[in-house]
Amino acid sequence: MLLRECKVGILSLDYELGPDVMNGGDVAAAIVREQLYPEEIFLHTSSPSGRTRMYEMLYQHKPLGVKVHHGPMPAEYLKNAGYSEA
């Protein structure tokens, strides 16, 4: 997991990552268990129940100063990060 290797400023999590792989809930649980919080977390999943589970888990255990958002990254963040839809 990238969070074990370097500091992450902004992380955007999806819940449904595909068959036979960890889901976003597994990633959120690892973040909590290992205290690998980035500075800010967005939840861009289309799964309402998955989003709620991840949000509640991450928010309940987050250190002071960490921001957890119950939704996707706003367009302004994407623009500042240099993302564009081609």
C-alpha atoms as a PDB file:
ATOM      1  CA  MET A   1       0.000   0.000   0.000  1.00  0.00           C
ATOM      2  CA  LEU A   2       1.372   3.387  -1.054  1.00  0.00           C
ATOM      3  CA  LEU A   3       0.629   4.902   2.361  1.00  0.00           C
ATOM      4  CA  ARG A   4       3.272   2.620   3.898  1.00  0.00           C
ATOM      5  CA  GLU A   5       5.941   3.924   1.537  1.00  0.00           C
ATOM      6  CA  CYS A   6       5.488   7.691   1.477  1.00  0.00           C
ATOM      7  CA  LYS A   7       3.510  10.619   2.858  1.00  0.00           C
ATOM      8  CA  VAL A   8       0.242  11.206   0.991  1.00  0.00           C
ATOM      9  CA  GLY A   9      -1.468  14.584   0.986  1.00  0.00           C
ATOM     10  CA  ILE A  10      -4.802  13.740  -0.649  1.00  0.00           C
ATOM     11  CA  LEU A  11      -6.324  10.282  -1.107  1.00  0.00           C
ATOM     12  CA  SER A  12      -9.513   9.415  -2.981  1.00  0.00           C
ATOM     13  CA  LEU A  13     -11.006   5.992  -2.213  1.00  0.00           C
ATOM     14  CA  ASP A  14     -13.387   3.830  -4.214  1.00  0.00           C
ATOM     15  CA  TYR A  15     -15.254   1.026  -2.453  1.00  0.00           C
ATOM     16  CA  GLU A  16     -15.692  -1.506  -5.251  1.00  0.00           C
ATOM     17  CA  LEU A  17     -12.222  -2.207  -6.631  1.00  0.00           C
ATOM     18  CA  GLY A  18     -13.021  -5.370  -8.588  1.00  0.00           C
ATOM     19  CA  PRO A  19     -13.190  -9.112  -8.038  1.00  0.00           C
ATOM     20  CA  ASP A  20     -10.515 -10.926  -6.037  1.00  0.00           C
ATOM     21  CA  VAL A  21      -8.909  -7.751  -4.657  1.00  0.00           C
ATOM     22  CA  MET A  22      -9.244  -5.720  -1.482  1.00  0.00           C
ATOM     23  CA  ASN A  23     -12.216  -3.362  -1.467  1.00  0.00           C
ATOM     24  CA  GLY A  24     -12.182   0.211  -0.219  1.00  0.00           C
ATOM     25  CA  GLY A  25     -13.414  -0.957   3.177  1.00  0.00           C
ATOM     26  CA  ASP A  26     -10.321  -3.157   3.488  1.00  0.00           C
ATOM     27  CA  VAL A  27      -8.114  -0.196   2.589  1.00  0.00           C
ATOM     28  CA  ALA A  28      -9.921   2.036   5.114  1.00  0.00           C
ATOM     29  CA  ALA A  29      -9.513  -0.644   7.805  1.00  0.00           C
ATOM     30  CA  ALA A  30      -5.766  -0.851   7.081  1.00  0.00           C
ATOM     31  CA  ILE A  31      -5.483   2.949   7.290  1.00  0.00           C
ATOM     32  CA  VAL A  32      -7.160   2.896  10.712  1.00  0.00           C
ATOM     33  CA  ARG A  33      -5.307  -0.178  11.994  1.00  0.00           C
ATOM     34  CA  GLU A  34      -1.863   1.082  10.946  1.00  0.00           C
ATOM     35  CA  GLN A  35      -2.617   4.808  11.477  1.00  0.00           C
ATOM     36  CA  LEU A  36      -1.542   5.557   7.892  1.00  0.00           C
ATOM     37  CA  TYR A  37      -3.770   8.585   7.435  1.00  0.00           C
ATOM     38  CA  PRO A  38      -3.102  11.024   4.616  1.00  0.00           C
ATOM     39  CA  GLU A  39      -3.873  14.693   5.253  1.00  0.00           C
ATOM     40  CA  GLU A  40      -7.222  14.550   3.440  1.00  0.00           C
ATOM     41  CA  ILE A  41      -9.501  11.716   2.249  1.00  0.00           C
ATOM     42  CA  PHE A  42     -12.296  11.813  -0.339  1.00  0.00           C
ATOM     43  CA  LEU A  43     -14.706   8.949  -1.071  1.00  0.00           C
ATOM     44  CA  HIS A  44     -15.558   8.795  -4.778  1.00  0.00           C
ATOM     45  CA  THR A  45     -17.351   5.444  -4.794  1.00  0.00           C
ATOM     46  CA  SER A  46     -20.744   4.900  -6.404  1.00  0.00           C
ATOM     47  CA  SER A  47     -21.690   2.530  -3.551  1.00  0.00           C
ATOM     48  CA  PRO A  48     -23.700   4.530  -0.977  1.00  0.00           C
ATOM     49  CA  SER A  49     -23.387   1.830   1.690  1.00  0.00           C
ATOM     50  CA  GLY A  50     -19.658   1.396   0.997  1.00  0.00           C
ATOM     51  CA  ARG A  51     -19.117   5.159   1.205  1.00  0.00           C
ATOM     52  CA  THR A  52     -20.938   5.348   4.535  1.00  0.00           C
ATOM     53  CA  ARG A  53     -18.989   2.407   6.005  1.00  0.00           C
ATOM     54  CA  MET A  54     -15.642   3.869   4.959  1.00  0.00           C
ATOM     55  CA  TYR A  55     -16.570   7.365   6.161  1.00  0.00           C
ATOM     56  CA  GLU A  56     -17.741   6.202   9.586  1.00  0.00           C
ATOM     57  CA  MET A  57     -14.661   4.020  10.119  1.00  0.00           C
ATOM     58  CA  LEU A  58     -12.172   6.658   8.973  1.00  0.00           C
ATOM     59  CA  TYR A  59     -13.864   9.606  10.683  1.00  0.00           C
ATOM     60  CA  GLN A  60     -14.273   7.852  14.025  1.00  0.00           C
ATOM     61  CA  HIS A  61     -10.555   7.043  14.264  1.00  0.00           C
ATOM     62  CA  LYS A  62      -8.920   9.945  12.433  1.00  0.00           C
ATOM     63  CA  PRO A  63      -6.172  11.947  14.112  1.00  0.00           C
ATOM     64  CA  LEU A  64      -6.702  15.665  14.713  1.00  0.00           C
ATOM     65  CA  GLY A  65      -6.059  17.689  11.588  1.00  0.00           C
ATOM     66  CA  VAL A  66      -7.039  14.946   9.121  1.00  0.00           C
ATOM     67  CA  LYS A  67     -10.018  15.806   6.911  1.00  0.00           C
ATOM     68  CA  VAL A  68     -12.402  13.039   5.803  1.00  0.00           C
ATOM     69  CA  HIS A  69     -15.032  13.980   3.194  1.00  0.00           C
ATOM     70  CA  HIS A  70     -18.228  11.986   2.614  1.00  0.00           C
ATOM     71  CA  GLY A  71     -18.041  12.413  -1.148  1.00  0.00           C
ATOM     72  CA  PRO A  72     -15.823  12.866  -4.185  1.00  0.00           C
ATOM     73  CA  MET A  73     -13.103  15.411  -4.715  1.00  0.00           C
ATOM     74  CA  PRO A  74     -14.483  18.778  -5.901  1.00  0.00           C
ATOM     75  CA  ALA A  75     -13.605  19.964  -9.411  1.00  0.00           C
ATOM     76  CA  GLU A  76     -11.402  22.718  -7.960  1.00  0.00           C
ATOM     77  CA  TYR A  77      -9.166  20.122  -6.288  1.00  0.00           C
ATOM     78  CA  LEU A  78      -8.879  18.190  -9.545  1.00  0.00           C
ATOM     79  CA  LYS A  79      -8.051  21.372 -11.428  1.00  0.00           C
ATOM     80  CA  ASN A  80      -5.327  22.306  -8.929  1.00  0.00           C
ATOM     81  CA  ALA A  81      -3.886  18.793  -9.185  1.00  0.00           C
ATOM     82  CA  GLY A  82      -3.576  19.171 -12.956  1.00  0.00           C
ATOM     83  CA  TYR A  83      -6.290  16.621 -13.792  1.00  0.00           C
ATOM     84  CA  SER A  84      -8.259  17.128 -16.978  1.00  0.00           C
ATOM     85  CA  GLU A  85     -10.722  14.943 -18.834  1.00  0.00           C
ATOM     86  CA  ALA A  86      -9.243  14.228 -22.239  1.00  0.00           C
END
